C-alpha cells in the first residue's frame, strides 16, 4: 500500500481518493433516491405540490455538493496537490456558496408562489398576489445574488467594507440619475399592493385606452387591446390616471341598454314584453347571469319617444357585448310582432306666410 506509483502518489493515496469519490457518488445517488421516494409519496397522497417542489429544488443541488465534496476530499489527499491545499479549500468554499445561492433562489421562488396562492385563496385576492409575486421574486433573487457575490469576494480576500461604502455613494448617484425609472418602479409597486388593478383585468383609461392587463412590470404596464395590439404605459402614468376596472371588485357587471317607445304605446305592456325578452336573452346567451331578474326603468320624455333603460347582468365585460347584441336583435323582432313603435326623430316645420 505504501508503494510509490508516480509523483509521490502511493497506492494508499489512490485508494483513499477513489473511496472518497465513490462515497460522494453513492451519497449523491442515495440522496436522489430518497428525495424521489419522498416526492412520489407526497404526490401520491394528493397533497399540495409545494412540498414536493421544494424537495425537488434542493435534491439536485445537494447531489452536486456531495459529489463535489467527494472529489475535493479525494484530491487534497494526493501529495502533488497538497501544496495547493489553501487554493483547493477556497475553490471548494466558493463552489459551495454558489450551490447554496442557486438552491436558495429556486426555493424562494416556489415558496413565494405557494404562499401567494394560499393567501390569495384565503383572502379572495388571488389576482393581486399573482401580480405581486413575480416582482417580489425578482427582487429577492437579486438580493440573494448580491449577498452571495459579497461573500465570495470576501472569501477571495477582497475587502468588502470600502465596496459597501462606495455602493452607498454610487447608489445615491444612480438614484438621482434614474429618478424617472425609480418613480415608475415604486408606482408599479403601489399599483400591485393596492390591488385595484391586477393582471388579467379589463380596464379603460381616462384617454379611452381599453384592454386586458397583460403584465405589470418594473417600469411599464402592458395592456393588450381588443385588436391584439400591446400598449405600454409608464407605471407612474397608470397610478395617476383615472381608470375604470371592469373586473373589480368582481367580474360580474350590469348591462344597460337604452331604448325608447312611441307616446302612443301602453307602457305597462311595453314593460311586460321587454322583461320577457330580457329573460329569454339571458337564458339563451352564453356569459349571461341566468338567475338575474332583469328590469326596466322609464327615465324621461324624449323628443320622439318615452325613454327607458333595460338592466341585465353578464359575467364579464366582454360577455356584456354579446348580451347587448342578442337583446337588441330580439327587441326589434318582438316589437315588430307586437306593433310597438320605436319612433324616428321628427320635426314639424311651419312656414310663415307673407
Foldseek 3Di string as FASTA:
>chain_A
DCDQDPPNFDPVLVVQLVVLLVQLQVVLVVLVVVLVVVLVVCVVVVDDNLVNQLSVLPSVLVSVLSNLRSNLVSVCSGVVCVVVNLVSVLVNVLVNLVSVLSSVLSSVLSVLVVVLCVVCVVVVLNQLSVQQSVVVSVVVNVVSVVVSVLVSCVSVVHDCPVVVVVVVVVVVVVCVVCVLLQLLQVLLVVCSVVSQAGQQWWKAWPVGDTAGFHHRDRFWTWGQGPVRDIDTHGSNCVSPIDMDTCDPPHFKDKAKDKAWFAPVDDVVVVFVVLQVLLLVLQVPAPFFDNPDRKGKAFDAADQGGRMIMIIGMGRHPVSSVRSVVSSVVSVVVVCVVVVTGRDDRDDDDDDDDD
